[in-house]
Amino acid sequence: MRFDFDPTMHRYPSRRYPVYARGGMVNCSSPQAASAGLEILRRGGNAMDAAVAAAAALTVAEPTANGLGSDAFALIWSAGDRKLFGLNSSGRAPMLASMEQIRGLSPDGRMPRYGWAPVTVPGAVKAWAAVSGRFGRLPLAEELAPAVHYAADGYPCSPNLSRSWEAALSRYRTELRGPCFDAWFRTFAPEGRAYGPGELIRLPDHAATLREIGETGGESFYTGELARRMDAESRKFGGWLRYEDLAAHEALWVEPIRVNYRGYEVCEIPPNGQGIVALMALNIMKEFSFTEKDSAETCHRQIEAVKMGFADAFATVTDPDFMTCDYRRLLRPEYGAARAAEMTDRAQVWTDRTPPKSGTVYLCCADGEGNMVSFIQSNYMGFGSGIVVDGTGIALQNRGADFSLDPADINCLQPGKRSYHTIIPGFLMKDGEPVGPFGVMGGYMQPQGHVQVASNFIDFRLNPQQALDAPRWQWMRDGSVIVEEGFDPDIVRALRERGHDVRVSAAAAAFGRGQMIVRLDNGVLVGGTESRTDSNIACF
């Protein structure tokens, strides 16, 4: 039976309330991924097992933003260790990468967005194995079983997934030229079109690869048959990625960075991630008192603080092995105070860097024992490079597109280097105790989303759902600021009077997609999920 309705239509305003649970909670941008995490919790897994299950399922249920060729980062609160752990599994540029070669072929002097040139070593699979091996209770194969099921047996396409798929296919038809892209079209557009809402999607090659990853504990992906197939495909089409690059990849356990914001510790992954942008902005914002959320004064201070954070990050942040300054000094209270003193009541230009668009998935989960995970993975720009390793379902990221081809730029391309990285998980703590994970995905919107969600929760005491639902703004690549429809027009006018180039945008996806969980003193979990996409909370 078919029905003639539009699943993306929002004729009437709707409401979402925060969700409460005790046994466990998994918040994802895909209902299937949230269900996968919950299934693993019910099988006896903990929050870390559930995070791996949900992350693997997201590669199947939201391939428009992530895949088996993604990178991944995580912040993990281990109740047993009473400690917050950070994981950076971002991949390096291949050792054969050549800035000089690309500069000779690039008409605009910038890294290509598609093809083998922007492909860096994928880190997500290693992240799954690292989290599972260190903290999980179940074998990796069992954690990946729900994702295998969805890939092999199929799942229904959701409304926003369909819209993203159609947009990507339309773009790829124009921009992807050459036989190296044929496998992408065979994999993701087998009938020559995007999937519509309610249509079943099956990814059999993806399912077989997930099984092999599970059976080998992820080793096949980096040192086994899957690694050899990636190497062979790269050589076939003139790419730089080699078996040795994959075999050398490590998921690194790192110490989270943090700032104290009005008594809360806001925690992020250190560079090469851009979480430091959010922390620098909050370190500046704490010098001001915000008495009213919906005011031009509050928005102006937040926007200017974010711009300052980006200006510093673009000048300094890249692979920490290649950084020339100690990023920790950028988080000192006195530096935040000094930057705050530079702010005026007028909009100023702090940077001319051009942030590209991207595609990312974020999830968070918690169990009844106190463990909590903030996890994010991404192919960078939508489906990524447009490269799919034939017969495997492995869609490779194009993270290398963010490298600069200017040797004077701190983030210039070099062999074995990790790029400035947009994906960032967030976590809140207070008085040494975990409050909970949060995150907002979406390229350079991510630190801006972190700032707004954290401020909504801390400054204005909004519940997790309202902290996510509140209308957002985004500083854009051309120096303008876009705001969502429904943003107070009086605030828009006042911001314009202060010199901001403010534009109203109807594109909800431009403002990121977030999730949040906080834990009450009695162990009850309170969750919010993104109303701008196909999000869902699975809990018990």
Protein backbone atom coordinates (compact mmCIF):
# COMPACT_ATOMS: atom_id res chain seq x y z
CA MET A 1 0.00 0.00 0.00
CA ARG A 2 1.32 3.46 -0.92
CA PHE A 3 0.35 6.82 0.57
CA ASP A 4 0.58 10.22 -1.02
CA PHE A 5 2.28 12.29 1.69
CA ASP A 6 5.56 14.16 1.98
CA PRO A 7 7.62 12.86 4.94
CA THR A 8 9.78 15.99 4.90
CA MET A 9 6.89 18.46 5.23
CA HIS A 10 6.61 20.43 8.47
CA ARG A 11 3.38 22.36 8.12
CA TYR A 12 2.81 22.50 11.86
CA PRO A 13 5.25 23.04 14.72
CA SER A 14 6.03 19.90 16.70
CA ARG A 15 7.44 19.35 20.17
CA ARG A 16 9.99 16.99 21.55
CA TYR A 17 10.57 16.41 25.24
CA PRO A 18 13.74 15.06 26.83
CA VAL A 19 13.79 11.28 27.24
CA TYR A 20 14.46 9.66 30.64
CA ALA A 21 15.88 6.16 31.13
CA ARG A 22 17.77 4.08 33.67
CA GLY A 23 19.20 0.98 32.01
CA GLY A 24 20.88 2.55 29.02
CA MET A 25 20.50 5.10 26.23
CA VAL A 26 21.78 5.40 22.65
CA ASN A 27 21.26 8.65 20.69
CA CYS A 28 21.93 8.61 16.94
CA SER A 29 20.98 10.39 13.74
CA SER A 30 19.62 7.06 12.48
CA PRO A 31 16.90 4.98 14.20
CA GLN A 32 18.59 1.78 13.02
CA ALA A 33 21.92 2.77 14.54
CA ALA A 34 20.30 3.68 17.86
CA SER A 35 18.50 0.33 17.81
CA ALA A 36 21.80 -1.47 17.09
CA GLY A 37 23.38 0.08 20.17
CA LEU A 38 20.40 -0.80 22.33
CA GLU A 39 20.46 -4.39 21.08
CA ILE A 40 24.07 -4.72 22.22
CA LEU A 41 23.25 -3.24 25.62
CA ARG A 42 20.49 -5.82 26.03
CA ARG A 43 22.93 -8.59 25.11
CA GLY A 44 25.04 -7.64 28.13
CA GLY A 45 27.35 -5.12 26.52
CA ASN A 46 28.30 -1.83 28.10
CA ALA A 47 28.19 1.69 26.66
CA MET A 48 31.48 1.14 24.84
CA ASP A 49 30.17 -2.00 23.11
CA ALA A 50 27.01 -0.08 22.21
CA ALA A 51 29.02 2.83 20.75
CA VAL A 52 30.91 0.48 18.44
CA ALA A 53 27.68 -1.20 17.35
CA ALA A 54 25.98 2.11 16.65
CA ALA A 55 29.02 3.50 14.83
CA ALA A 56 29.22 0.45 12.58
CA ALA A 57 25.49 0.62 11.90
CA LEU A 58 25.79 4.30 10.94
CA THR A 59 28.18 3.37 8.11
CA VAL A 60 25.30 1.33 6.69
CA ALA A 61 22.31 3.50 7.60
CA GLU A 62 23.85 6.89 6.83
CA PRO A 63 26.45 6.37 4.08
CA THR A 64 25.80 9.92 2.89
CA ALA A 65 28.02 11.14 5.75
CA ASN A 66 30.29 8.30 6.87
CA GLY A 67 31.49 4.86 5.91
CA LEU A 68 34.07 2.14 6.38
CA GLY A 69 36.67 4.57 5.05
CA SER A 70 35.99 7.20 7.74
CA ASP A 71 38.06 8.63 10.55
CA ALA A 72 36.80 8.59 14.15
CA PHE A 73 37.30 10.32 17.51
CA ALA A 74 35.86 9.49 20.92
CA LEU A 75 35.65 10.70 24.50
CA ILE A 76 34.94 7.84 26.91
CA TRP A 77 34.04 8.05 30.58
CA SER A 78 34.96 4.75 32.20
CA ALA A 79 33.08 4.36 35.47
CA GLY A 80 35.50 1.66 36.61
CA ASP A 81 38.56 3.83 36.01
CA ARG A 82 36.85 7.04 37.13
CA LYS A 83 38.53 8.75 34.20
CA LEU A 84 37.77 10.42 30.88
CA PHE A 85 39.74 8.92 27.99
CA GLY A 86 40.29 10.47 24.56
CA LEU A 87 40.78 8.55 21.31
CA ASN A 88 42.12 10.04 18.08
CA SER A 89 41.89 7.66 15.12
CA SER A 90 42.43 10.13 12.32
CA GLY A 91 44.47 8.88 9.41
CA ARG A 92 47.64 10.32 7.90
CA ALA A 93 48.37 11.32 4.34
CA PRO A 94 49.98 8.47 2.38
CA MET A 95 53.77 8.48 2.41
CA LEU A 96 53.74 8.96 -1.38
CA ALA A 97 51.60 12.14 -1.12
CA SER A 98 53.09 14.95 -3.19
CA MET A 99 52.12 18.58 -2.74
CA GLU A 100 54.29 19.56 -5.69
CA GLN A 101 52.57 17.08 -8.00
CA ILE A 102 49.10 18.31 -7.09
CA ARG A 103 50.09 21.96 -7.36
CA GLY A 104 51.17 21.28 -10.92
CA LEU A 105 47.80 19.73 -11.76
CA SER A 106 45.46 21.94 -9.72
CA PRO A 107 44.14 24.92 -11.72
CA ASP A 108 42.90 26.74 -8.60
CA GLY A 109 45.87 25.90 -6.41
CA ARG A 110 43.76 23.87 -3.97
CA MET A 111 43.54 20.21 -3.01
CA PRO A 112 41.08 18.21 -5.14
CA ARG A 113 37.86 17.21 -3.42
CA TYR A 114 37.32 13.92 -5.26
CA GLY A 115 39.36 11.01 -6.53
CA TRP A 116 42.38 9.35 -4.97
CA ALA A 117 44.36 12.54 -4.26
CA PRO A 118 42.43 13.58 -1.10
CA VAL A 119 42.23 10.03 0.30
CA THR A 120 43.94 9.62 3.66
CA VAL A 121 44.29 6.46 5.75
CA PRO A 122 40.85 5.53 7.18
CA GLY A 123 40.81 5.33 10.96
CA ALA A 124 37.28 4.37 12.01
CA VAL A 125 37.69 0.59 11.91
CA LYS A 126 40.82 0.83 14.07
CA ALA A 127 38.85 3.01 16.49
CA TRP A 128 36.15 0.36 16.80
CA ALA A 129 38.74 -2.30 17.53
CA ALA A 130 40.54 -0.06 20.03
CA VAL A 131 37.39 0.83 21.98
CA SER A 132 36.14 -2.75 21.93
CA GLY A 133 39.50 -4.19 22.92
CA ARG A 134 40.14 -1.81 25.80
CA PHE A 135 36.68 -1.39 27.29
CA GLY A 136 34.19 -3.77 25.65
CA ARG A 137 32.75 -6.99 27.01
CA LEU A 138 31.63 -8.52 23.74
CA PRO A 139 33.71 -9.63 20.75
CA LEU A 140 33.90 -7.20 17.85
CA ALA A 141 32.01 -9.61 15.59
CA GLU A 142 29.02 -9.53 17.95
CA GLU A 143 29.11 -5.74 18.16
CA LEU A 144 29.02 -5.51 14.37
CA ALA A 145 26.25 -8.09 13.94
CA PRO A 146 23.36 -5.56 13.83
CA ALA A 147 25.17 -3.54 11.16
CA VAL A 148 25.74 -6.71 9.12
CA HIS A 149 22.02 -7.46 9.37
CA TYR A 150 21.01 -4.02 8.10
CA ALA A 151 23.51 -4.14 5.24
CA ALA A 152 22.59 -7.66 4.12
CA ASP A 153 18.83 -7.71 4.70
CA GLY A 154 18.10 -4.06 4.07
CA TYR A 155 16.62 -1.10 5.90
CA PRO A 156 14.11 1.58 4.83
CA CYS A 157 15.44 4.90 3.58
CA SER A 158 14.51 7.78 5.89
CA PRO A 159 13.39 11.24 4.68
CA ASN A 160 16.55 13.25 5.33
CA LEU A 161 18.75 10.39 4.20
CA SER A 162 16.89 10.37 0.89
CA ARG A 163 17.32 14.11 0.50
CA SER A 164 21.07 13.91 1.19
CA TRP A 165 21.43 10.95 -1.19
CA GLU A 166 19.70 12.82 -4.00
CA ALA A 167 21.81 15.93 -3.46
CA ALA A 168 25.03 13.88 -3.52
CA LEU A 169 24.05 11.94 -6.63
CA SER A 170 23.15 15.13 -8.47
CA ARG A 171 26.55 16.61 -7.60
CA TYR A 172 28.50 13.44 -8.38
CA ARG A 173 26.91 13.08 -11.82
CA THR A 174 28.47 16.42 -12.69
CA GLU A 175 31.77 16.25 -10.84
CA LEU A 176 32.86 12.60 -10.87
CA ARG A 177 34.53 11.78 -14.16
CA GLY A 178 36.56 8.67 -14.91
CA PRO A 179 36.53 4.91 -14.32
CA CYS A 180 37.84 5.21 -10.75
CA PHE A 181 34.34 6.39 -9.74
CA ASP A 182 32.40 3.57 -11.42
CA ALA A 183 32.29 1.48 -8.23
CA TRP A 184 30.65 4.35 -6.34
CA PHE A 185 27.76 4.51 -8.83
CA ARG A 186 27.39 0.70 -8.82
CA THR A 187 27.31 0.68 -5.03
CA PHE A 188 25.16 3.70 -4.19
CA ALA A 189 23.08 4.25 -7.32
CA PRO A 190 22.61 0.75 -8.77
CA GLU A 191 19.42 1.79 -10.55
CA GLY A 192 20.78 5.15 -11.63
CA ARG A 193 18.89 7.13 -9.02
CA ALA A 194 18.82 7.93 -5.31
CA TYR A 195 16.65 5.98 -2.87
CA GLY A 196 13.31 7.50 -1.91
CA PRO A 197 11.77 7.53 1.58
CA GLY A 198 10.58 4.06 2.53
CA GLU A 199 12.55 2.22 -0.17
CA LEU A 200 14.69 -0.66 1.04
CA ILE A 201 18.45 -0.21 0.83
CA ARG A 202 20.72 -3.25 0.70
CA LEU A 203 24.52 -3.08 0.69
CA PRO A 204 25.72 -6.70 0.32
CA ASP A 205 29.41 -5.87 -0.26
CA HIS A 206 29.34 -3.71 2.86
CA ALA A 207 27.85 -6.62 4.82
CA ALA A 208 30.59 -9.01 3.70
CA THR A 209 33.30 -6.52 4.65
CA LEU A 210 31.77 -5.93 8.08
CA ARG A 211 31.76 -9.69 8.66
CA GLU A 212 35.44 -9.90 7.75
CA ILE A 213 36.27 -6.96 10.01
CA GLY A 214 34.45 -8.63 12.90
CA GLU A 215 35.99 -12.06 12.33
CA THR A 216 39.53 -10.64 12.20
CA GLY A 217 39.17 -8.07 14.97
CA GLY A 218 39.68 -5.36 12.36
CA GLU A 219 43.08 -6.70 11.28
CA SER A 220 42.03 -7.54 7.72
CA PHE A 221 41.32 -3.86 7.14
CA TYR A 222 44.89 -2.82 7.93
CA THR A 223 47.16 -5.83 7.43
CA GLY A 224 45.04 -8.46 5.67
CA GLU A 225 43.00 -9.07 2.56
CA LEU A 226 40.99 -5.85 2.75
CA ALA A 227 44.19 -3.82 3.04
CA ARG A 228 45.62 -5.57 -0.02
CA ARG A 229 42.48 -4.82 -2.00
CA MET A 230 42.67 -1.12 -1.10
CA ASP A 231 46.32 -1.07 -2.12
CA ALA A 232 45.56 -2.74 -5.44
CA GLU A 233 42.69 -0.35 -6.22
CA SER A 234 44.87 2.66 -5.41
CA ARG A 235 47.68 1.43 -7.67
CA LYS A 236 45.20 0.68 -10.47
CA PHE A 237 43.98 4.28 -10.59
CA GLY A 238 47.19 6.13 -9.74
CA GLY A 239 46.44 6.77 -6.08
CA TRP A 240 49.05 7.16 -3.34
CA LEU A 241 47.53 4.94 -0.63
CA ARG A 242 49.54 1.77 -0.01
CA TYR A 243 49.36 -1.33 2.16
CA GLU A 244 52.23 0.07 4.25
CA ASP A 245 50.22 3.22 5.05
CA LEU A 246 47.33 1.13 6.29
CA ALA A 247 49.54 -1.22 8.30
CA ALA A 248 51.22 1.73 10.04
CA HIS A 249 47.97 3.32 11.25
CA GLU A 250 47.42 3.57 15.00
CA ALA A 251 44.45 4.75 17.03
CA LEU A 252 46.00 7.03 19.65
CA TRP A 253 44.79 7.35 23.23
CA VAL A 254 45.12 11.04 24.10
CA GLU A 255 44.51 13.25 27.12
CA PRO A 256 41.37 15.37 26.63
CA ILE A 257 41.71 19.15 26.72
CA ARG A 258 39.27 21.22 28.74
CA VAL A 259 38.31 24.65 30.02
CA ASN A 260 36.31 25.62 33.05
CA TYR A 261 33.17 27.42 31.95
CA ARG A 262 31.15 28.75 34.89
CA GLY A 263 31.93 25.73 37.06
CA TYR A 264 31.57 23.09 34.31
CA GLU A 265 34.50 21.46 32.56
CA VAL A 266 33.89 21.37 28.82
CA CYS A 267 36.10 18.63 27.36
CA GLU A 268 37.32 18.08 23.80
CA ILE A 269 39.92 16.08 21.84
CA PRO A 270 43.22 17.98 21.42
CA PRO A 271 44.60 18.95 17.99
CA ASN A 272 44.62 17.91 15.23
CA GLY A 273 40.90 18.17 16.05
CA GLN A 274 39.16 21.55 16.04
CA GLY A 275 37.59 21.09 19.48
CA ILE A 276 40.07 23.69 20.66
CA VAL A 277 38.01 26.29 18.73
CA ALA A 278 35.00 25.67 20.97
CA LEU A 279 37.17 25.80 24.09
CA MET A 280 38.88 29.03 23.04
CA ALA A 281 35.49 30.61 22.35
CA LEU A 282 34.13 29.53 25.75
CA ASN A 283 37.33 30.77 27.42
CA ILE A 284 36.58 34.19 25.92
CA MET A 285 32.84 34.08 26.61
CA LYS A 286 33.29 33.45 30.32
CA GLU A 287 34.61 37.00 30.61
CA PHE A 288 31.07 38.24 29.88
CA SER A 289 27.81 37.77 31.78
CA PHE A 290 24.89 36.54 29.74
CA THR A 291 21.61 37.40 31.39
CA GLU A 292 19.31 36.71 28.46
CA LYS A 293 19.64 33.99 25.85
CA ASP A 294 17.51 35.54 23.13
CA SER A 295 19.32 38.85 22.80
CA ALA A 296 21.58 40.54 20.27
CA GLU A 297 24.21 41.08 22.97
CA THR A 298 24.49 37.37 23.72
CA CYS A 299 24.59 36.36 20.05
CA HIS A 300 27.14 39.06 19.20
CA ARG A 301 29.53 38.01 21.97
CA GLN A 302 29.22 34.34 21.04
CA ILE A 303 29.75 34.96 17.33
CA GLU A 304 32.80 37.17 17.90
CA ALA A 305 34.30 34.65 20.33
CA VAL A 306 33.88 31.85 17.79
CA LYS A 307 35.50 33.96 15.07
CA MET A 308 38.47 34.63 17.36
CA GLY A 309 38.77 30.92 18.10
CA PHE A 310 38.79 30.06 14.41
CA ALA A 311 41.37 32.75 13.66
CA ASP A 312 43.77 31.26 16.20
CA ALA A 313 43.07 27.68 15.19
CA PHE A 314 43.52 28.27 11.46
CA ALA A 315 46.89 29.86 12.18
CA THR A 316 48.17 27.12 14.49
CA VAL A 317 46.29 23.81 14.37
CA THR A 318 47.32 20.79 12.34
CA ASP A 319 48.88 17.43 13.15
CA PRO A 320 50.47 18.05 16.59
CA ASP A 321 53.69 16.45 15.31
CA PHE A 322 53.97 19.40 12.90
CA MET A 323 52.66 22.24 15.10
CA THR A 324 55.05 25.05 15.95
CA CYS A 325 53.28 26.37 19.06
CA ASP A 326 51.99 24.86 22.28
CA TYR A 327 48.22 24.85 21.85
CA ARG A 328 47.75 24.69 25.62
CA ARG A 329 48.66 28.35 25.96
CA LEU A 330 45.62 29.22 23.83
CA LEU A 331 43.40 27.82 26.61
CA ARG A 332 44.93 29.72 29.51
CA PRO A 333 42.45 31.97 31.36
CA GLU A 334 44.66 35.01 30.86
CA TYR A 335 44.69 34.44 27.09
CA GLY A 336 40.91 34.24 27.01
CA ALA A 337 40.71 37.46 29.03
CA ALA A 338 43.11 39.20 26.66
CA ARG A 339 41.10 38.12 23.62
CA ALA A 340 37.86 39.22 25.30
CA ALA A 341 39.38 42.66 25.85
CA GLU A 342 39.89 42.97 22.09
CA MET A 343 36.16 42.52 21.44
CA THR A 344 34.06 45.58 20.68
CA ASP A 345 30.35 46.13 20.19
CA ARG A 346 30.87 45.91 16.42
CA ALA A 347 31.42 42.90 14.19
CA GLN A 348 35.07 42.46 13.26
CA VAL A 349 36.95 40.37 10.69
CA TRP A 350 39.13 37.82 12.46
CA THR A 351 39.97 35.40 9.64
CA ASP A 352 39.62 34.93 5.92
CA ARG A 353 39.93 31.12 5.95
CA THR A 354 37.31 29.34 3.83
CA PRO A 355 35.57 26.47 5.66
CA PRO A 356 34.19 23.80 3.31
CA LYS A 357 30.99 21.86 3.77
CA SER A 358 31.14 18.32 5.09
CA GLY A 359 29.25 15.23 6.22
CA THR A 360 29.63 13.61 9.62
CA VAL A 361 27.73 11.39 12.05
CA TYR A 362 27.70 11.80 15.83
CA LEU A 363 26.37 9.46 18.50
CA CYS A 364 26.40 9.27 22.25
CA CYS A 365 25.42 6.51 24.61
CA ALA A 366 25.38 5.58 28.28
CA ASP A 367 24.69 2.47 30.31
CA GLY A 368 23.23 1.86 33.75
CA GLU A 369 26.69 1.43 35.31
CA GLY A 370 27.85 4.98 34.68
CA ASN A 371 29.87 4.47 31.50
CA MET A 372 29.33 7.12 28.81
CA VAL A 373 30.66 7.60 25.28
CA SER A 374 30.82 10.56 22.92
CA PHE A 375 31.69 9.23 19.45
CA ILE A 376 32.01 10.82 16.02
CA GLN A 377 33.08 9.56 12.59
CA SER A 378 33.05 11.05 9.13
CA ASN A 379 33.89 10.65 5.44
CA TYR A 380 34.33 14.46 5.53
CA MET A 381 32.36 15.74 2.52
CA GLY A 382 29.22 13.65 2.25
CA PHE A 383 30.07 10.25 0.76
CA GLY A 384 33.72 11.31 0.77
CA SER A 385 36.17 11.04 -2.13
CA GLY A 386 33.75 9.30 -4.49
CA ILE A 387 36.09 6.29 -4.36
CA VAL A 388 34.62 2.93 -3.43
CA VAL A 389 36.98 -0.05 -3.38
CA ASP A 390 35.27 -2.34 -5.84
CA GLY A 391 33.44 -5.31 -4.31
CA THR A 392 34.01 -4.20 -0.69
CA GLY A 393 31.60 -1.35 0.00
CA ILE A 394 34.52 0.64 1.44
CA ALA A 395 33.80 4.30 0.62
CA LEU A 396 37.00 6.24 1.26
CA GLN A 397 37.04 9.62 2.94
CA ASN A 398 38.39 12.81 1.33
CA ARG A 399 39.85 14.28 4.51
CA GLY A 400 42.96 15.29 2.59
CA ALA A 401 40.90 17.93 0.78
CA ASP A 402 41.41 20.15 3.82
CA PHE A 403 45.19 20.23 3.40
CA SER A 404 46.68 23.42 2.00
CA LEU A 405 48.99 23.45 -1.02
CA ASP A 406 50.79 26.54 0.31
CA PRO A 407 54.08 25.45 1.92
CA ALA A 408 53.84 28.42 4.29
CA ASP A 409 50.50 27.22 5.68
CA ILE A 410 50.72 25.28 8.96
CA ASN A 411 48.25 22.76 7.51
CA CYS A 412 50.05 22.17 4.22
CA LEU A 413 50.12 18.65 2.77
CA GLN A 414 53.08 16.50 3.75
CA PRO A 415 53.62 12.72 3.62
CA GLY A 416 52.52 11.01 6.81
CA LYS A 417 50.78 14.13 8.15
CA ARG A 418 47.31 14.37 9.69
CA SER A 419 45.19 17.31 8.53
CA TYR A 420 43.35 19.87 10.64
CA HIS A 421 40.29 17.82 11.53
CA THR A 422 36.73 19.05 11.81
CA ILE A 423 35.10 16.15 13.70
CA ILE A 424 34.91 16.66 17.47
CA PRO A 425 33.13 14.79 20.28
CA GLY A 426 32.26 16.81 23.39
CA PHE A 427 31.84 15.93 27.06
CA LEU A 428 30.74 17.85 30.18
CA MET A 429 32.01 17.37 33.72
CA LYS A 430 31.41 19.20 37.02
CA ASP A 431 33.37 18.95 40.27
CA GLY A 432 35.26 15.95 38.92
CA GLU A 433 32.05 14.06 38.13
CA PRO A 434 30.78 13.22 34.63
CA VAL A 435 27.75 15.18 33.46
CA GLY A 436 27.54 13.56 30.05
CA PRO A 437 28.41 13.45 26.34
CA PHE A 438 27.25 15.90 23.71
CA GLY A 439 28.12 16.80 20.15
CA VAL A 440 26.98 18.62 17.03
CA MET A 441 28.15 17.29 13.66
CA GLY A 442 28.56 19.30 10.49
CA GLY A 443 31.99 20.50 9.33
CA TYR A 444 32.96 23.91 10.69
CA MET A 445 29.54 24.21 12.31
CA GLN A 446 30.72 21.71 14.92
CA PRO A 447 32.62 23.97 17.34
CA GLN A 448 29.98 26.63 16.82
CA GLY A 449 27.31 24.07 17.70
CA HIS A 450 29.29 22.97 20.76
CA VAL A 451 29.48 26.56 21.98
CA GLN A 452 25.76 27.14 21.52
CA VAL A 453 24.61 23.86 23.05
CA ALA A 454 26.99 24.17 26.03
CA SER A 455 25.91 27.76 26.62
CA ASN A 456 22.23 26.83 26.32
CA PHE A 457 22.68 24.14 28.97
CA ILE A 458 25.06 25.98 31.32
CA ASP A 459 24.16 29.65 30.97
CA PHE A 460 20.44 29.35 30.39
CA ARG A 461 19.64 26.02 32.08
CA LEU A 462 17.86 24.54 29.08
CA ASN A 463 17.13 20.82 29.20
CA PRO A 464 19.08 18.63 26.73
CA GLN A 465 16.29 18.60 24.16
CA GLN A 466 15.77 22.36 24.28
CA ALA A 467 19.52 22.97 24.26
CA LEU A 468 19.57 21.18 20.89
CA ASP A 469 16.29 22.58 19.54
CA ALA A 470 17.09 26.25 20.16
CA PRO A 471 17.56 28.19 16.87
CA ARG A 472 21.20 28.30 15.83
CA TRP A 473 23.48 30.67 13.98
CA GLN A 474 26.60 29.86 11.96
CA TRP A 475 29.54 32.00 10.94
CA MET A 476 30.13 31.31 7.26
CA ARG A 477 33.01 31.09 4.82
CA ASP A 478 32.39 34.56 3.34
CA GLY A 479 32.27 36.31 6.73
CA SER A 480 28.48 36.37 6.87
CA VAL A 481 26.35 34.84 9.60
CA ILE A 482 23.37 32.66 8.73
CA VAL A 483 20.51 32.07 11.15
CA GLU A 484 17.69 29.57 11.09
CA GLU A 485 14.16 30.38 10.15
CA GLY A 486 12.35 31.23 13.34
CA PHE A 487 15.27 33.27 14.67
CA ASP A 488 13.94 36.40 16.39
CA PRO A 489 13.76 39.11 13.69
CA ASP A 490 14.49 41.81 16.27
CA ILE A 491 17.79 40.08 17.08
CA VAL A 492 18.59 39.80 13.37
CA ARG A 493 18.03 43.55 12.95
CA ALA A 494 20.14 44.39 16.00
CA LEU A 495 23.00 42.18 14.80
CA ARG A 496 22.93 43.89 11.43
CA GLU A 497 23.13 47.25 13.17
CA ARG A 498 26.32 46.00 14.87
CA GLY A 499 27.85 45.28 11.47
CA HIS A 500 27.06 41.58 11.05
CA ASP A 501 26.04 40.43 7.57
CA VAL A 502 23.12 38.27 8.74
CA ARG A 503 21.13 36.08 6.39
CA VAL A 504 18.19 33.81 7.13
CA SER A 505 18.56 30.25 5.83
CA ALA A 506 15.87 27.62 5.35
CA ALA A 507 18.45 24.82 5.13
CA ALA A 508 18.13 23.11 8.51
CA ALA A 509 21.01 20.73 7.74
CA ALA A 510 23.42 23.67 7.57
CA PHE A 511 23.14 24.15 11.32
CA GLY A 512 24.44 20.75 12.34
CA ARG A 513 22.89 17.70 13.93
CA GLY A 514 23.45 17.00 17.60
CA GLN A 515 22.84 14.59 20.47
CA MET A 516 23.15 14.96 24.23
CA ILE A 517 22.88 12.84 27.39
CA VAL A 518 23.23 14.00 30.99
CA ARG A 519 23.25 11.79 34.08
CA LEU A 520 21.34 12.74 37.22
CA ASP A 521 22.68 12.08 40.72
CA ASN A 522 20.41 9.02 41.02
CA GLY A 523 21.82 7.47 37.84
CA VAL A 524 18.85 8.38 35.63
CA LEU A 525 19.81 9.39 32.11
CA VAL A 526 18.23 12.39 30.37
CA GLY A 527 18.62 12.58 26.61
CA GLY A 528 17.97 14.99 23.78
CA THR A 529 18.16 14.21 20.07
CA GLU A 530 18.36 16.31 16.93
CA SER A 531 15.06 17.53 15.54
CA ARG A 532 16.71 18.66 12.29
CA THR A 533 17.25 15.15 10.95
CA ASP A 534 16.15 11.50 11.28
CA SER A 535 17.39 11.19 14.87
CA ASN A 536 16.20 8.74 17.45
CA ILE A 537 16.83 7.73 21.06
CA ALA A 538 16.73 4.04 21.96
CA CYS A 539 16.66 3.33 25.67
CA PHE A 540 15.38 1.10 28.46
